[in-house]
């Protein structure tokens, strides 16, 4: 199962997304995670045992157009961001299933927001675990 995850830009939000990412990993066998995000977000999670590739996202739209179309096909794409740029990334990524976080849909602590996003996307009921 090849999964592409676009991480939150900020370090703190990336750490708060880590329990939700673990819940994604624990749902599937033979998971290979590719991370896409800012330098600090990639640094925070690049050593996760299921991460096989990382890409620091250049914010220029020309980068998105030229480079993301070259990515391999993924089984699932998760974006923990709701920006227009993230919507463009979602458009160019080839994936059977695509999920994008909507900050207006969830309330409460950020850890719980991200976890509910993953639970709804995968139709599971898994509690948030520990932060990485």
N, C-alpha and C. Protein backbone atom coordinates (compact mmCIF):
# COMPACT_ATOMS: atom_id res chain seq x y z
N UNK A 1 0.86 -1.17 0.00
CA UNK A 1 0.00 0.00 0.00
C UNK A 1 0.90 1.23 0.00
N UNK A 2 0.83 2.00 -1.07
CA UNK A 2 1.63 3.23 -1.19
C UNK A 2 0.75 4.42 -0.81
N UNK A 3 1.22 5.17 0.19
CA UNK A 3 0.45 6.30 0.69
C UNK A 3 1.31 7.56 0.64
N UNK A 4 0.75 8.61 0.07
CA UNK A 4 1.39 9.93 0.06
C UNK A 4 0.69 10.79 1.09
N UNK A 5 1.50 11.42 1.96
CA UNK A 5 0.96 12.29 2.98
C UNK A 5 1.58 13.68 2.86
N UNK A 6 0.72 14.67 2.68
CA UNK A 6 1.17 16.06 2.73
C UNK A 6 1.03 16.52 4.17
N UNK A 7 2.16 16.85 4.76
CA UNK A 7 2.20 17.22 6.17
C UNK A 7 1.81 18.68 6.38
N UNK A 8 1.37 19.02 7.59
CA UNK A 8 1.17 20.43 7.92
C UNK A 8 2.50 21.18 7.78
N UNK A 9 2.43 22.45 7.53
CA UNK A 9 3.64 23.25 7.33
C UNK A 9 4.41 23.46 8.63
N UNK A 10 3.71 23.74 9.70
CA UNK A 10 4.36 24.09 10.96
C UNK A 10 4.76 22.85 11.74
N UNK A 11 5.88 22.94 12.44
CA UNK A 11 6.42 21.82 13.22
C UNK A 11 5.41 21.33 14.26
N UNK A 12 4.81 22.25 15.01
CA UNK A 12 3.87 21.86 16.06
C UNK A 12 2.67 21.11 15.50
N UNK A 13 2.14 21.57 14.38
CA UNK A 13 1.00 20.88 13.75
C UNK A 13 1.41 19.51 13.22
N UNK A 14 2.63 19.40 12.73
CA UNK A 14 3.11 18.11 12.25
C UNK A 14 3.19 17.11 13.40
N UNK A 15 3.70 17.55 14.52
CA UNK A 15 3.77 16.68 15.70
C UNK A 15 2.35 16.28 16.12
N UNK A 16 1.42 17.22 16.08
CA UNK A 16 0.04 16.90 16.46
C UNK A 16 -0.65 15.98 15.46
N UNK A 17 -0.15 15.91 14.24
CA UNK A 17 -0.71 15.00 13.24
C UNK A 17 -0.12 13.59 13.37
N UNK A 18 0.94 13.44 14.12
CA UNK A 18 1.63 12.14 14.19
C UNK A 18 0.76 10.99 14.70
N UNK A 19 -0.13 11.18 15.70
CA UNK A 19 -1.00 10.05 16.07
C UNK A 19 -1.95 9.64 14.94
N UNK A 20 -2.45 10.60 14.19
CA UNK A 20 -3.32 10.28 13.06
C UNK A 20 -2.55 9.53 11.98
N UNK A 21 -1.30 9.92 11.76
CA UNK A 21 -0.47 9.23 10.77
C UNK A 21 -0.21 7.80 11.21
N UNK A 22 0.05 7.60 12.49
CA UNK A 22 0.22 6.23 13.00
C UNK A 22 -1.05 5.41 12.81
N UNK A 23 -2.21 6.04 12.98
CA UNK A 23 -3.47 5.32 12.76
C UNK A 23 -3.64 4.92 11.29
N UNK A 24 -3.16 5.76 10.38
CA UNK A 24 -3.17 5.41 8.96
C UNK A 24 -2.29 4.18 8.74
N UNK A 25 -1.07 4.24 9.25
CA UNK A 25 -0.11 3.14 9.09
C UNK A 25 -0.66 1.84 9.64
N UNK A 26 -1.31 1.90 10.79
CA UNK A 26 -1.80 0.70 11.45
C UNK A 26 -3.03 0.08 10.77
N UNK A 27 -3.64 0.78 9.84
CA UNK A 27 -4.82 0.26 9.14
C UNK A 27 -4.48 -0.68 7.99
N UNK A 28 -3.25 -0.64 7.52
CA UNK A 28 -2.90 -1.38 6.31
C UNK A 28 -1.66 -2.24 6.52
N UNK A 29 -1.54 -3.29 5.71
CA UNK A 29 -0.34 -4.12 5.70
C UNK A 29 0.62 -3.60 4.65
N UNK A 30 1.89 -3.81 4.89
CA UNK A 30 2.94 -3.45 3.91
C UNK A 30 2.82 -2.01 3.44
N UNK A 31 2.75 -1.08 4.38
CA UNK A 31 2.61 0.34 4.07
C UNK A 31 3.95 0.95 3.71
N UNK A 32 3.94 1.73 2.65
CA UNK A 32 5.09 2.56 2.26
C UNK A 32 4.61 3.99 2.21
N UNK A 33 5.17 4.82 3.09
CA UNK A 33 4.75 6.21 3.20
C UNK A 33 5.74 7.12 2.48
N UNK A 34 5.21 8.01 1.67
CA UNK A 34 5.98 9.09 1.08
C UNK A 34 5.45 10.38 1.71
N UNK A 35 6.36 11.19 2.22
CA UNK A 35 5.99 12.46 2.86
C UNK A 35 6.31 13.63 1.96
N UNK A 36 5.42 14.59 1.94
CA UNK A 36 5.57 15.83 1.20
C UNK A 36 5.29 16.96 2.17
N UNK A 37 6.20 17.92 2.28
CA UNK A 37 5.95 19.01 3.21
C UNK A 37 7.11 19.98 3.32
N UNK A 38 7.00 20.86 4.30
CA UNK A 38 8.06 21.84 4.55
C UNK A 38 9.29 21.13 5.11
N UNK A 39 10.41 21.82 5.09
CA UNK A 39 11.65 21.24 5.60
C UNK A 39 11.49 20.77 7.04
N UNK A 40 10.91 21.60 7.91
CA UNK A 40 10.80 21.23 9.32
C UNK A 40 9.82 20.08 9.53
N UNK A 41 8.75 20.03 8.78
CA UNK A 41 7.80 18.93 8.95
C UNK A 41 8.41 17.61 8.49
N UNK A 42 9.15 17.64 7.41
CA UNK A 42 9.83 16.44 6.93
C UNK A 42 10.88 15.98 7.95
N UNK A 43 11.65 16.91 8.47
CA UNK A 43 12.67 16.56 9.47
C UNK A 43 12.06 15.88 10.69
N UNK A 44 10.87 16.30 11.08
CA UNK A 44 10.22 15.74 12.27
C UNK A 44 9.83 14.27 12.08
N UNK A 45 9.44 13.89 10.88
CA UNK A 45 8.89 12.55 10.68
C UNK A 45 9.66 11.66 9.70
N UNK A 46 10.76 12.13 9.18
CA UNK A 46 11.47 11.37 8.14
C UNK A 46 12.02 10.03 8.63
N UNK A 47 12.21 9.87 9.93
CA UNK A 47 12.75 8.63 10.45
C UNK A 47 11.68 7.63 10.90
N UNK A 48 10.43 7.93 10.62
CA UNK A 48 9.35 6.98 10.91
C UNK A 48 9.66 5.69 10.15
N UNK A 49 9.50 4.53 10.78
CA UNK A 49 9.91 3.27 10.14
C UNK A 49 9.19 2.95 8.82
N UNK A 50 8.04 3.53 8.57
CA UNK A 50 7.30 3.25 7.33
C UNK A 50 7.54 4.27 6.22
N UNK A 51 8.33 5.30 6.50
CA UNK A 51 8.62 6.33 5.50
C UNK A 51 9.71 5.82 4.56
N UNK A 52 9.41 5.81 3.26
CA UNK A 52 10.37 5.36 2.26
C UNK A 52 10.94 6.50 1.43
N UNK A 53 10.19 7.61 1.31
CA UNK A 53 10.67 8.77 0.55
C UNK A 53 10.13 10.04 1.18
N UNK A 54 10.89 11.12 1.00
CA UNK A 54 10.45 12.42 1.47
C UNK A 54 10.75 13.46 0.39
N UNK A 55 9.88 14.47 0.32
CA UNK A 55 10.05 15.57 -0.63
C UNK A 55 9.75 16.87 0.09
N UNK A 56 10.73 17.75 0.12
CA UNK A 56 10.49 19.09 0.65
C UNK A 56 9.77 19.87 -0.43
N UNK A 57 8.62 20.40 -0.05
CA UNK A 57 7.76 21.09 -1.00
C UNK A 57 8.25 22.50 -1.27
N UNK A 58 8.49 22.77 -2.53
CA UNK A 58 8.78 24.12 -2.98
C UNK A 58 7.44 24.79 -3.21
N UNK A 59 7.23 25.96 -2.67
CA UNK A 59 5.92 26.60 -2.73
C UNK A 59 5.59 27.23 -4.07
N UNK A 60 6.52 27.21 -5.00
CA UNK A 60 6.25 27.79 -6.31
C UNK A 60 5.29 26.90 -7.09
N UNK A 61 4.32 27.51 -7.71
CA UNK A 61 3.33 26.75 -8.47
C UNK A 61 3.98 26.01 -9.64
N UNK A 62 5.05 26.55 -10.21
CA UNK A 62 5.72 25.87 -11.31
C UNK A 62 6.32 24.55 -10.84
N UNK A 63 6.80 24.49 -9.60
CA UNK A 63 7.33 23.24 -9.03
C UNK A 63 6.22 22.20 -8.97
N UNK A 64 5.07 22.62 -8.48
CA UNK A 64 3.95 21.69 -8.33
C UNK A 64 3.59 21.10 -9.69
N UNK A 65 3.45 21.95 -10.68
CA UNK A 65 3.05 21.48 -12.00
C UNK A 65 4.10 20.54 -12.60
N UNK A 66 5.36 20.94 -12.56
CA UNK A 66 6.42 20.18 -13.23
C UNK A 66 6.76 18.88 -12.50
N UNK A 67 6.79 18.91 -11.19
CA UNK A 67 7.33 17.77 -10.46
C UNK A 67 6.29 16.78 -9.94
N UNK A 68 5.15 17.25 -9.51
CA UNK A 68 4.19 16.32 -8.94
C UNK A 68 3.57 15.41 -9.98
N UNK A 69 3.51 15.85 -11.21
CA UNK A 69 2.98 14.99 -12.27
C UNK A 69 3.89 13.80 -12.53
N UNK A 70 5.15 13.90 -12.10
CA UNK A 70 6.12 12.83 -12.28
C UNK A 70 6.07 11.78 -11.16
N UNK A 71 5.35 12.07 -10.09
CA UNK A 71 5.26 11.13 -8.97
C UNK A 71 4.62 9.83 -9.43
N UNK A 72 5.00 8.74 -8.76
CA UNK A 72 4.36 7.46 -9.00
C UNK A 72 2.90 7.52 -8.58
N UNK A 73 2.18 6.51 -8.95
CA UNK A 73 0.79 6.39 -8.52
C UNK A 73 0.75 5.92 -7.07
N UNK A 74 -0.19 6.48 -6.31
CA UNK A 74 -0.36 6.10 -4.92
C UNK A 74 -1.74 5.48 -4.74
N UNK A 75 -1.84 4.65 -3.71
CA UNK A 75 -3.14 4.05 -3.39
C UNK A 75 -4.02 5.06 -2.66
N UNK A 76 -3.40 5.85 -1.78
CA UNK A 76 -4.13 6.84 -1.00
C UNK A 76 -3.29 8.10 -0.85
N UNK A 77 -3.94 9.24 -0.92
CA UNK A 77 -3.31 10.54 -0.66
C UNK A 77 -4.05 11.22 0.48
N UNK A 78 -3.31 11.64 1.50
CA UNK A 78 -3.85 12.43 2.60
C UNK A 78 -3.15 13.77 2.62
N UNK A 79 -3.91 14.83 2.72
CA UNK A 79 -3.33 16.16 2.94
C UNK A 79 -3.86 16.68 4.26
N UNK A 80 -2.94 17.02 5.13
CA UNK A 80 -3.30 17.62 6.42
C UNK A 80 -3.36 19.14 6.31
N UNK A 81 -3.48 19.64 5.08
CA UNK A 81 -3.58 21.07 4.83
C UNK A 81 -4.82 21.35 3.98
N UNK A 82 -5.38 22.52 4.12
CA UNK A 82 -6.58 22.87 3.38
C UNK A 82 -6.40 24.01 2.40
N UNK A 83 -5.18 24.38 2.11
CA UNK A 83 -4.90 25.54 1.27
C UNK A 83 -5.21 25.29 -0.21
N UNK A 84 -5.25 26.36 -0.96
CA UNK A 84 -5.45 26.26 -2.41
C UNK A 84 -4.30 25.49 -3.04
N UNK A 85 -3.08 25.75 -2.57
CA UNK A 85 -1.91 25.03 -3.09
C UNK A 85 -2.07 23.52 -2.86
N UNK A 86 -2.60 23.16 -1.70
CA UNK A 86 -2.82 21.74 -1.40
C UNK A 86 -3.89 21.14 -2.29
N UNK A 87 -4.88 21.93 -2.64
CA UNK A 87 -5.91 21.46 -3.56
C UNK A 87 -5.31 21.21 -4.95
N UNK A 88 -4.36 22.05 -5.34
CA UNK A 88 -3.67 21.86 -6.60
C UNK A 88 -2.82 20.58 -6.56
N UNK A 89 -2.14 20.37 -5.45
CA UNK A 89 -1.36 19.14 -5.28
C UNK A 89 -2.28 17.93 -5.39
N UNK A 90 -3.41 18.00 -4.73
CA UNK A 90 -4.38 16.91 -4.77
C UNK A 90 -4.83 16.63 -6.21
N UNK A 91 -4.98 17.67 -7.00
CA UNK A 91 -5.39 17.53 -8.39
C UNK A 91 -4.33 16.78 -9.21
N UNK A 92 -3.05 17.11 -9.01
CA UNK A 92 -1.98 16.53 -9.82
C UNK A 92 -1.53 15.15 -9.37
N UNK A 93 -1.81 14.78 -8.16
CA UNK A 93 -1.39 13.47 -7.66
C UNK A 93 -2.31 12.39 -8.23
N UNK A 94 -1.71 11.30 -8.67
CA UNK A 94 -2.49 10.16 -9.14
C UNK A 94 -2.67 9.20 -7.97
N UNK A 95 -3.91 9.08 -7.54
CA UNK A 95 -4.23 8.23 -6.41
C UNK A 95 -5.68 7.76 -6.51
N UNK A 96 -5.91 6.52 -6.11
CA UNK A 96 -7.27 5.98 -6.15
C UNK A 96 -8.18 6.70 -5.16
N UNK A 97 -7.64 7.07 -4.01
CA UNK A 97 -8.42 7.78 -2.99
C UNK A 97 -7.64 9.00 -2.54
N UNK A 98 -8.35 10.12 -2.41
CA UNK A 98 -7.71 11.38 -2.00
C UNK A 98 -8.54 12.02 -0.90
N UNK A 99 -7.86 12.40 0.19
CA UNK A 99 -8.53 13.02 1.33
C UNK A 99 -7.78 14.29 1.71
N UNK A 100 -8.55 15.36 1.96
CA UNK A 100 -7.94 16.63 2.33
C UNK A 100 -8.63 17.18 3.57
N UNK A 101 -7.82 17.60 4.52
CA UNK A 101 -8.29 18.15 5.79
C UNK A 101 -9.02 19.47 5.56
N UNK A 102 -10.14 19.65 6.26
CA UNK A 102 -10.91 20.89 6.22
C UNK A 102 -10.99 21.42 7.65
N UNK A 103 -10.25 22.48 7.94
CA UNK A 103 -10.18 22.98 9.32
C UNK A 103 -11.53 23.47 9.84
N UNK A 104 -12.45 23.82 8.97
CA UNK A 104 -13.76 24.31 9.40
C UNK A 104 -14.73 23.18 9.78
N UNK A 105 -14.38 21.96 9.46
CA UNK A 105 -15.25 20.82 9.71
C UNK A 105 -15.10 20.26 11.12
N UNK A 106 -13.95 20.46 11.73
CA UNK A 106 -13.64 19.84 13.01
C UNK A 106 -13.39 20.90 14.07
N UNK A 107 -13.72 20.56 15.33
CA UNK A 107 -13.42 21.47 16.43
C UNK A 107 -12.73 20.68 17.54
N UNK A 108 -12.18 21.40 18.51
CA UNK A 108 -11.43 20.76 19.58
C UNK A 108 -9.94 20.94 19.40
N UNK A 109 -9.18 20.15 20.13
CA UNK A 109 -7.72 20.20 20.07
C UNK A 109 -7.24 19.69 18.71
N UNK A 110 -6.13 20.23 18.22
CA UNK A 110 -5.63 19.89 16.89
C UNK A 110 -5.36 18.39 16.74
N UNK A 111 -4.87 17.74 17.78
CA UNK A 111 -4.64 16.29 17.71
C UNK A 111 -5.94 15.57 17.40
N UNK A 112 -7.01 15.96 18.08
CA UNK A 112 -8.31 15.32 17.87
C UNK A 112 -8.89 15.66 16.50
N UNK A 113 -8.67 16.88 16.03
CA UNK A 113 -9.15 17.27 14.70
C UNK A 113 -8.52 16.38 13.62
N UNK A 114 -7.20 16.26 13.69
CA UNK A 114 -6.50 15.43 12.70
C UNK A 114 -6.93 13.97 12.80
N UNK A 115 -7.12 13.48 14.02
CA UNK A 115 -7.51 12.09 14.20
C UNK A 115 -8.92 11.84 13.66
N UNK A 116 -9.84 12.76 13.90
CA UNK A 116 -11.20 12.62 13.36
C UNK A 116 -11.19 12.65 11.83
N UNK A 117 -10.33 13.49 11.26
CA UNK A 117 -10.18 13.55 9.80
C UNK A 117 -9.79 12.18 9.25
N UNK A 118 -8.80 11.55 9.85
CA UNK A 118 -8.35 10.23 9.39
C UNK A 118 -9.43 9.18 9.65
N UNK A 119 -10.05 9.23 10.82
CA UNK A 119 -11.11 8.26 11.13
C UNK A 119 -12.26 8.35 10.14
N UNK A 120 -12.71 9.55 9.82
CA UNK A 120 -13.79 9.71 8.85
C UNK A 120 -13.36 9.27 7.45
N UNK A 121 -12.14 9.60 7.08
CA UNK A 121 -11.64 9.24 5.75
C UNK A 121 -11.58 7.73 5.57
N UNK A 122 -11.10 7.03 6.59
CA UNK A 122 -10.93 5.58 6.50
C UNK A 122 -12.11 4.79 7.08
N UNK A 123 -13.10 5.53 7.58
CA UNK A 123 -14.27 4.92 8.19
C UNK A 123 -13.88 3.96 9.32
N UNK A 124 -13.10 4.50 10.25
CA UNK A 124 -12.66 3.75 11.42
C UNK A 124 -12.98 4.55 12.69
N UNK A 125 -12.78 3.93 13.82
CA UNK A 125 -12.99 4.58 15.13
C UNK A 125 -11.78 4.31 16.00
N UNK A 126 -10.66 4.89 15.66
CA UNK A 126 -9.42 4.66 16.39
C UNK A 126 -9.07 5.90 17.20
N UNK A 127 -8.80 5.74 18.51
CA UNK A 127 -8.41 6.91 19.30
C UNK A 127 -7.02 7.40 18.93
N UNK A 128 -6.77 8.66 19.21
CA UNK A 128 -5.43 9.24 18.97
C UNK A 128 -4.45 8.65 19.97
N UNK A 129 -3.29 8.28 19.49
CA UNK A 129 -2.25 7.72 20.35
C UNK A 129 -1.31 8.82 20.80
N UNK A 130 -0.07 8.41 21.08
CA UNK A 130 0.95 9.33 21.57
C UNK A 130 1.55 10.16 20.45
N UNK A 131 2.01 11.35 20.79
CA UNK A 131 2.69 12.22 19.85
C UNK A 131 4.08 11.68 19.57
N UNK A 132 4.53 11.89 18.35
CA UNK A 132 5.90 11.48 17.98
C UNK A 132 6.76 12.73 17.95
